[in-house]
């Protein structure tokens, strides 16, 4: 029964990710990698369950931000007035 529930959740997650833009996919991947890394580092330093959860939360947030910020194809430029805008590279 547990395998059926997990398989269903995985299928729904894959279908949801199929409709995402490149930026959203990179943010999601970054969040997963960041959360895993944060949890591993917290566990390696001997933190308790709450510390591991906090590490995963902070790592996930940082990973999502970095993943979204490093999307290829879009570059940041500054115009003559100092305003930052994004356009294709």
N, C-alpha and C. Protein backbone atom coordinates (compact mmCIF):
# COMPACT_ATOMS: atom_id res chain seq x y z
N UNK A 1 0.82 -1.19 0.00
CA UNK A 1 0.00 0.00 0.00
C UNK A 1 0.86 1.26 0.00
N UNK A 2 1.93 1.21 0.77
CA UNK A 2 2.82 2.36 0.84
C UNK A 2 3.48 2.62 -0.51
N UNK A 3 3.86 1.58 -1.21
CA UNK A 3 4.48 1.75 -2.53
C UNK A 3 3.50 2.38 -3.51
N UNK A 4 2.24 2.01 -3.42
CA UNK A 4 1.23 2.57 -4.32
C UNK A 4 1.07 4.06 -4.07
N UNK A 5 1.04 4.45 -2.82
CA UNK A 5 0.89 5.87 -2.47
C UNK A 5 2.11 6.65 -2.93
N UNK A 6 3.30 6.12 -2.68
CA UNK A 6 4.52 6.81 -3.09
C UNK A 6 4.62 6.90 -4.62
N UNK A 7 4.24 5.85 -5.31
CA UNK A 7 4.26 5.87 -6.77
C UNK A 7 3.28 6.89 -7.33
N UNK A 8 2.12 6.97 -6.72
CA UNK A 8 1.12 7.95 -7.15
C UNK A 8 1.62 9.37 -6.92
N UNK A 9 2.20 9.62 -5.77
CA UNK A 9 2.75 10.95 -5.48
C UNK A 9 3.88 11.30 -6.44
N UNK A 10 4.73 10.35 -6.76
CA UNK A 10 5.82 10.61 -7.70
C UNK A 10 5.28 10.92 -9.08
N UNK A 11 4.25 10.19 -9.51
CA UNK A 11 3.65 10.45 -10.83
C UNK A 11 3.02 11.83 -10.89
N UNK A 12 2.33 12.23 -9.83
CA UNK A 12 1.71 13.56 -9.78
C UNK A 12 2.79 14.64 -9.81
N UNK A 13 3.88 14.42 -9.07
CA UNK A 13 4.97 15.40 -9.06
C UNK A 13 5.61 15.53 -10.43
N UNK A 14 5.78 14.42 -11.14
CA UNK A 14 6.36 14.48 -12.48
C UNK A 14 5.44 15.21 -13.45
N UNK A 15 4.15 14.97 -13.35
CA UNK A 15 3.21 15.68 -14.21
C UNK A 15 3.19 17.17 -13.91
N UNK A 16 3.29 17.53 -12.65
CA UNK A 16 3.31 18.94 -12.28
C UNK A 16 4.59 19.61 -12.79
N UNK A 17 5.70 18.90 -12.72
CA UNK A 17 6.98 19.47 -13.17
C UNK A 17 7.03 19.61 -14.69
N UNK A 18 6.25 18.82 -15.40
CA UNK A 18 6.27 18.89 -16.86
C UNK A 18 5.77 20.23 -17.38
N UNK A 19 4.91 20.89 -16.63
CA UNK A 19 4.38 22.18 -17.06
C UNK A 19 5.18 23.37 -16.59
N UNK A 20 6.30 23.14 -15.95
CA UNK A 20 7.10 24.23 -15.41
C UNK A 20 8.02 24.82 -16.47
N UNK A 21 8.35 26.09 -16.28
CA UNK A 21 9.34 26.73 -17.14
C UNK A 21 10.74 26.29 -16.70
N UNK A 22 11.73 26.67 -17.47
CA UNK A 22 13.11 26.31 -17.13
C UNK A 22 13.50 26.89 -15.78
N UNK A 23 13.11 28.12 -15.52
CA UNK A 23 13.45 28.76 -14.25
C UNK A 23 12.83 28.00 -13.09
N UNK A 24 11.56 27.60 -13.24
CA UNK A 24 10.90 26.88 -12.16
C UNK A 24 11.51 25.51 -11.94
N UNK A 25 11.91 24.84 -13.02
CA UNK A 25 12.54 23.53 -12.89
C UNK A 25 13.88 23.65 -12.17
N UNK A 26 14.66 24.68 -12.53
CA UNK A 26 15.96 24.87 -11.89
C UNK A 26 15.79 25.23 -10.42
N UNK A 27 14.77 26.02 -10.10
CA UNK A 27 14.52 26.38 -8.71
C UNK A 27 14.11 25.14 -7.92
N UNK A 28 13.28 24.29 -8.50
CA UNK A 28 12.87 23.06 -7.83
C UNK A 28 14.03 22.11 -7.61
N UNK A 29 14.85 21.95 -8.62
CA UNK A 29 16.03 21.08 -8.49
C UNK A 29 16.98 21.64 -7.45
N UNK A 30 17.19 22.95 -7.49
CA UNK A 30 18.07 23.58 -6.50
C UNK A 30 17.55 23.41 -5.09
N UNK A 31 16.23 23.48 -4.93
CA UNK A 31 15.64 23.31 -3.60
C UNK A 31 15.85 21.89 -3.08
N UNK A 32 15.68 20.91 -3.95
CA UNK A 32 15.86 19.51 -3.53
C UNK A 32 17.32 19.26 -3.16
N UNK A 33 18.23 19.70 -4.01
CA UNK A 33 19.66 19.49 -3.74
C UNK A 33 20.08 20.25 -2.48
N UNK A 34 19.61 21.48 -2.35
CA UNK A 34 19.96 22.28 -1.17
C UNK A 34 19.42 21.69 0.12
N UNK A 35 18.18 21.20 0.07
CA UNK A 35 17.60 20.60 1.28
C UNK A 35 18.36 19.34 1.68
N UNK A 36 18.71 18.52 0.70
CA UNK A 36 19.48 17.31 1.01
C UNK A 36 20.84 17.63 1.58
N UNK A 37 21.50 18.60 0.97
CA UNK A 37 22.82 19.00 1.45
C UNK A 37 22.75 19.60 2.84
N UNK A 38 21.76 20.46 3.08
CA UNK A 38 21.60 21.06 4.40
C UNK A 38 21.34 20.03 5.47
N UNK A 39 20.50 19.03 5.15
CA UNK A 39 20.21 17.98 6.12
C UNK A 39 21.44 17.13 6.39
N UNK A 40 22.21 16.80 5.35
CA UNK A 40 23.42 16.00 5.53
C UNK A 40 24.46 16.73 6.36
N UNK A 41 24.64 18.01 6.10
CA UNK A 41 25.63 18.77 6.88
C UNK A 41 25.20 18.86 8.33
N UNK A 42 23.91 19.12 8.56
CA UNK A 42 23.43 19.21 9.95
C UNK A 42 23.58 17.87 10.66
N UNK A 43 23.29 16.77 9.97
CA UNK A 43 23.44 15.45 10.59
C UNK A 43 24.90 15.12 10.86
N UNK A 44 25.79 15.54 9.96
CA UNK A 44 27.21 15.26 10.12
C UNK A 44 27.82 16.02 11.29
N UNK A 45 27.23 17.16 11.62
CA UNK A 45 27.74 17.94 12.75
C UNK A 45 27.15 17.50 14.07
N UNK A 46 26.29 16.47 14.04
CA UNK A 46 25.75 15.93 15.28
C UNK A 46 24.49 16.61 15.76
N UNK A 47 23.78 17.31 14.90
CA UNK A 47 22.55 17.98 15.30
C UNK A 47 21.44 16.97 15.54
N UNK A 48 20.47 17.38 16.33
CA UNK A 48 19.32 16.52 16.59
C UNK A 48 18.33 16.62 15.44
N UNK A 49 17.17 16.03 15.58
CA UNK A 49 16.14 16.04 14.54
C UNK A 49 15.72 17.44 14.15
N UNK A 50 15.58 18.32 15.12
CA UNK A 50 15.18 19.70 14.84
C UNK A 50 16.30 20.44 14.07
N UNK A 51 17.54 20.17 14.40
CA UNK A 51 18.66 20.79 13.70
C UNK A 51 18.75 20.33 12.25
N UNK A 52 18.48 19.04 12.03
CA UNK A 52 18.51 18.50 10.67
C UNK A 52 17.39 19.12 9.85
N UNK A 53 16.20 19.26 10.45
CA UNK A 53 15.08 19.87 9.75
C UNK A 53 15.37 21.34 9.42
N UNK A 54 15.99 22.04 10.34
CA UNK A 54 16.36 23.44 10.09
C UNK A 54 17.40 23.53 8.98
N UNK A 55 18.36 22.64 8.99
CA UNK A 55 19.38 22.62 7.93
C UNK A 55 18.76 22.35 6.58
N UNK A 56 17.79 21.43 6.53
CA UNK A 56 17.11 21.12 5.28
C UNK A 56 16.29 22.32 4.80
N UNK A 57 15.64 23.01 5.71
CA UNK A 57 14.84 24.18 5.35
C UNK A 57 15.71 25.31 4.80
N UNK A 58 16.78 25.60 5.49
CA UNK A 58 17.67 26.68 5.04
C UNK A 58 18.36 26.29 3.73
N UNK A 59 18.81 25.06 3.62
CA UNK A 59 19.45 24.59 2.39
C UNK A 59 18.49 24.60 1.22
N UNK A 60 17.25 24.20 1.46
CA UNK A 60 16.24 24.20 0.40
C UNK A 60 15.93 25.59 -0.10
N UNK A 61 15.81 26.54 0.81
CA UNK A 61 15.54 27.92 0.41
C UNK A 61 16.71 28.50 -0.38
N UNK A 62 17.92 28.27 0.11
CA UNK A 62 19.10 28.77 -0.61
C UNK A 62 19.23 28.11 -1.97
N UNK A 63 18.99 26.82 -2.05
CA UNK A 63 19.08 26.11 -3.32
C UNK A 63 18.07 26.60 -4.33
N UNK A 64 16.85 26.90 -3.87
CA UNK A 64 15.82 27.42 -4.77
C UNK A 64 16.21 28.78 -5.32
N UNK A 65 16.73 29.63 -4.47
CA UNK A 65 17.16 30.96 -4.91
C UNK A 65 18.31 30.88 -5.90
N UNK A 66 19.28 30.06 -5.60
CA UNK A 66 20.44 29.93 -6.50
C UNK A 66 20.03 29.28 -7.81
N UNK A 67 19.18 28.27 -7.75
CA UNK A 67 18.72 27.61 -8.97
C UNK A 67 17.96 28.55 -9.89
N UNK A 68 17.11 29.39 -9.30
CA UNK A 68 16.35 30.35 -10.11
C UNK A 68 17.24 31.45 -10.67
N UNK A 69 18.25 31.84 -9.90
CA UNK A 69 19.12 32.94 -10.33
C UNK A 69 20.10 32.52 -11.42
N UNK A 70 20.37 31.24 -11.54
CA UNK A 70 21.37 30.78 -12.51
C UNK A 70 20.75 30.16 -13.76
N UNK A 71 19.54 30.57 -14.07
CA UNK A 71 18.87 30.04 -15.26
C UNK A 71 19.61 30.50 -16.51
N UNK A 72 20.00 29.57 -17.38
CA UNK A 72 20.71 29.96 -18.60
C UNK A 72 19.78 30.63 -19.60
N UNK A 73 20.36 31.43 -20.46
CA UNK A 73 19.58 32.07 -21.51
C UNK A 73 19.15 33.48 -21.19
N UNK A 74 19.15 33.85 -19.94
CA UNK A 74 18.77 35.19 -19.54
C UNK A 74 19.95 35.84 -18.82
N UNK A 75 20.26 37.04 -19.19
CA UNK A 75 21.36 37.76 -18.57
C UNK A 75 20.83 39.04 -17.94
N UNK A 76 21.54 39.52 -16.95
CA UNK A 76 21.18 40.78 -16.31
C UNK A 76 22.04 41.89 -16.90
N UNK A 77 21.39 42.97 -17.24
CA UNK A 77 22.07 44.14 -17.79
C UNK A 77 21.70 45.36 -16.97
N UNK A 78 22.52 46.40 -17.11
CA UNK A 78 22.24 47.67 -16.44
C UNK A 78 22.20 48.75 -17.52
N UNK A 79 21.11 49.53 -17.50
CA UNK A 79 20.99 50.58 -18.52
C UNK A 79 21.73 51.84 -18.05
N UNK A 80 21.66 52.90 -18.85
CA UNK A 80 22.43 54.11 -18.56
C UNK A 80 21.93 54.83 -17.30
N UNK A 81 20.72 54.49 -16.83
CA UNK A 81 20.19 55.09 -15.61
C UNK A 81 20.48 54.25 -14.37
N UNK A 82 21.14 53.12 -14.55
CA UNK A 82 21.50 52.26 -13.43
C UNK A 82 20.46 51.19 -13.11
N UNK A 83 19.39 51.13 -13.88
CA UNK A 83 18.35 50.13 -13.63
C UNK A 83 18.78 48.78 -14.19
N UNK A 84 18.50 47.74 -13.43
CA UNK A 84 18.86 46.36 -13.85
C UNK A 84 17.66 45.75 -14.55
N UNK A 85 17.91 45.11 -15.70
CA UNK A 85 16.84 44.41 -16.40
C UNK A 85 17.42 43.11 -16.96
N UNK A 86 16.52 42.18 -17.29
CA UNK A 86 16.93 40.90 -17.84
C UNK A 86 16.50 40.79 -19.30
N UNK A 87 17.39 40.23 -20.09
CA UNK A 87 17.10 39.99 -21.51
C UNK A 87 17.89 38.76 -21.95
N UNK A 88 17.55 38.25 -23.12
CA UNK A 88 18.28 37.10 -23.65
C UNK A 88 19.75 37.44 -23.84
N UNK A 89 20.61 36.48 -23.58
CA UNK A 89 22.06 36.69 -23.72
C UNK A 89 22.46 36.73 -25.20
